[in-house]
């Protein structure tokens, strides 16, 4: 296994238990019992500065409205 394969190896990536409910999840949005849309979330590994050595997780979420419109994807990074 070369350095390139090791660089992208995700088997030893740290995972935060607080993010577990957001791993490949779908959340329903409703108002007064009427479905307004959904929020989809995923958690993916990422590298961060300095020099991309830090291994972190990134949460992505997107709102999908019942009328078919989608919001832009929002990314949230670790506070570290």
C-alpha atoms as a PDB file:
ATOM      1  CA  UNK A   1       0.000   0.000   0.000  1.00  0.00           C
ATOM      2  CA  UNK A   2       1.547   3.274  -1.117  1.00  0.00           C
ATOM      3  CA  UNK A   3       1.261   6.686   0.541  1.00  0.00           C
ATOM      4  CA  UNK A   4      -1.636   7.594  -1.765  1.00  0.00           C
ATOM      5  CA  UNK A   5      -3.678   4.586  -0.593  1.00  0.00           C
ATOM      6  CA  UNK A   6      -2.773   5.291   3.024  1.00  0.00           C
ATOM      7  CA  UNK A   7      -3.783   8.953   2.620  1.00  0.00           C
ATOM      8  CA  UNK A   8      -7.341   7.970   1.619  1.00  0.00           C
ATOM      9  CA  UNK A   9      -7.670   4.978   3.959  1.00  0.00           C
ATOM     10  CA  UNK A  10     -10.762   5.707   6.089  1.00  0.00           C
ATOM     11  CA  UNK A  11     -10.597   2.617   8.315  1.00  0.00           C
ATOM     12  CA  UNK A  12      -8.866   4.391  11.207  1.00  0.00           C
ATOM     13  CA  UNK A  13     -10.777   7.671  10.890  1.00  0.00           C
ATOM     14  CA  UNK A  14     -11.989   9.063  14.226  1.00  0.00           C
ATOM     15  CA  UNK A  15     -15.773   9.166  14.539  1.00  0.00           C
ATOM     16  CA  UNK A  16     -17.789  11.323  16.908  1.00  0.00           C
ATOM     17  CA  UNK A  17     -20.677   9.562  18.645  1.00  0.00           C
ATOM     18  CA  UNK A  18     -22.572  12.870  18.776  1.00  0.00           C
ATOM     19  CA  UNK A  19     -22.778  12.748  14.972  1.00  0.00           C
ATOM     20  CA  UNK A  20     -24.219   9.214  14.830  1.00  0.00           C
ATOM     21  CA  UNK A  21     -27.885  10.371  14.562  1.00  0.00           C
ATOM     22  CA  UNK A  22     -26.922  12.361  11.444  1.00  0.00           C
ATOM     23  CA  UNK A  23     -25.177   9.579   9.496  1.00  0.00           C
ATOM     24  CA  UNK A  24     -27.264   9.048   6.334  1.00  0.00           C
ATOM     25  CA  UNK A  25     -30.425  10.317   8.030  1.00  0.00           C
ATOM     26  CA  UNK A  26     -33.677  11.870   6.849  1.00  0.00           C
ATOM     27  CA  UNK A  27     -35.616  14.280   9.068  1.00  0.00           C
ATOM     28  CA  UNK A  28     -39.193  15.304   8.317  1.00  0.00           C
ATOM     29  CA  UNK A  29     -40.224  18.957   8.552  1.00  0.00           C
ATOM     30  CA  UNK A  30     -43.850  19.663   9.433  1.00  0.00           C
ATOM     31  CA  UNK A  31     -45.971  22.570  10.607  1.00  0.00           C
ATOM     32  CA  UNK A  32     -49.314  21.994  12.322  1.00  0.00           C
ATOM     33  CA  UNK A  33     -49.274  18.384  11.130  1.00  0.00           C
ATOM     34  CA  UNK A  34     -48.650  19.287   7.472  1.00  0.00           C
ATOM     35  CA  UNK A  35     -45.459  17.959   5.876  1.00  0.00           C
ATOM     36  CA  UNK A  36     -43.400  20.854   4.547  1.00  0.00           C
ATOM     37  CA  UNK A  37     -40.245  18.998   3.533  1.00  0.00           C
ATOM     38  CA  UNK A  38     -37.295  16.924   4.649  1.00  0.00           C
ATOM     39  CA  UNK A  39     -33.703  17.428   5.722  1.00  0.00           C
ATOM     40  CA  UNK A  40     -31.159  14.856   4.588  1.00  0.00           C
ATOM     41  CA  UNK A  41     -27.876  14.583   6.463  1.00  0.00           C
ATOM     42  CA  UNK A  42     -24.626  12.700   5.990  1.00  0.00           C
ATOM     43  CA  UNK A  43     -21.297  12.596   7.770  1.00  0.00           C
ATOM     44  CA  UNK A  44     -18.110  12.132   5.776  1.00  0.00           C
ATOM     45  CA  UNK A  45     -14.405  12.052   6.584  1.00  0.00           C
ATOM     46  CA  UNK A  46     -12.294  15.057   5.704  1.00  0.00           C
ATOM     47  CA  UNK A  47      -8.817  16.396   6.261  1.00  0.00           C
ATOM     48  CA  UNK A  48      -8.058  19.803   7.684  1.00  0.00           C
ATOM     49  CA  UNK A  49      -5.192  22.219   8.084  1.00  0.00           C
ATOM     50  CA  UNK A  50      -2.375  22.346   8.933  1.00  0.00           C
ATOM     51  CA  UNK A  51      -1.263  20.619   5.755  1.00  0.00           C
ATOM     52  CA  UNK A  52      -4.350  18.387   5.703  1.00  0.00           C
ATOM     53  CA  UNK A  53      -2.924  16.053   8.371  1.00  0.00           C
ATOM     54  CA  UNK A  54      -5.826  16.438  10.800  1.00  0.00           C
ATOM     55  CA  UNK A  55      -8.546  13.829  10.358  1.00  0.00           C
ATOM     56  CA  UNK A  56     -12.016  15.213  11.037  1.00  0.00           C
ATOM     57  CA  UNK A  57     -15.602  14.597  10.086  1.00  0.00           C
ATOM     58  CA  UNK A  58     -17.832  16.915   8.102  1.00  0.00           C
ATOM     59  CA  UNK A  59     -21.615  16.928   8.339  1.00  0.00           C
ATOM     60  CA  UNK A  60     -23.563  17.869   5.236  1.00  0.00           C
ATOM     61  CA  UNK A  61     -27.252  18.688   5.267  1.00  0.00           C
ATOM     62  CA  UNK A  62     -29.752  19.742   2.640  1.00  0.00           C
ATOM     63  CA  UNK A  63     -33.378  20.845   2.858  1.00  0.00           C
ATOM     64  CA  UNK A  64     -35.790  19.357   0.315  1.00  0.00           C
ATOM     65  CA  UNK A  65     -39.149  21.143   0.215  1.00  0.00           C
ATOM     66  CA  UNK A  66     -42.422  19.325  -0.463  1.00  0.00           C
ATOM     67  CA  UNK A  67     -42.974  21.493  -3.564  1.00  0.00           C
ATOM     68  CA  UNK A  68     -39.868  19.927  -5.159  1.00  0.00           C
ATOM     69  CA  UNK A  69     -37.376  22.728  -4.507  1.00  0.00           C
ATOM     70  CA  UNK A  70     -34.026  21.956  -2.871  1.00  0.00           C
ATOM     71  CA  UNK A  71     -31.817  24.271  -0.844  1.00  0.00           C
ATOM     72  CA  UNK A  72     -28.054  24.349  -1.366  1.00  0.00           C
ATOM     73  CA  UNK A  73     -26.019  21.799   0.550  1.00  0.00           C
ATOM     74  CA  UNK A  74     -24.703  23.159   3.849  1.00  0.00           C
ATOM     75  CA  UNK A  75     -21.478  21.839   5.370  1.00  0.00           C
ATOM     76  CA  UNK A  76     -20.631  21.950   9.063  1.00  0.00           C
ATOM     77  CA  UNK A  77     -17.087  21.265  10.232  1.00  0.00           C
ATOM     78  CA  UNK A  78     -15.711  20.117  13.534  1.00  0.00           C
ATOM     79  CA  UNK A  79     -15.025  22.880  16.058  1.00  0.00           C
ATOM     80  CA  UNK A  80     -11.408  21.746  16.278  1.00  0.00           C
END
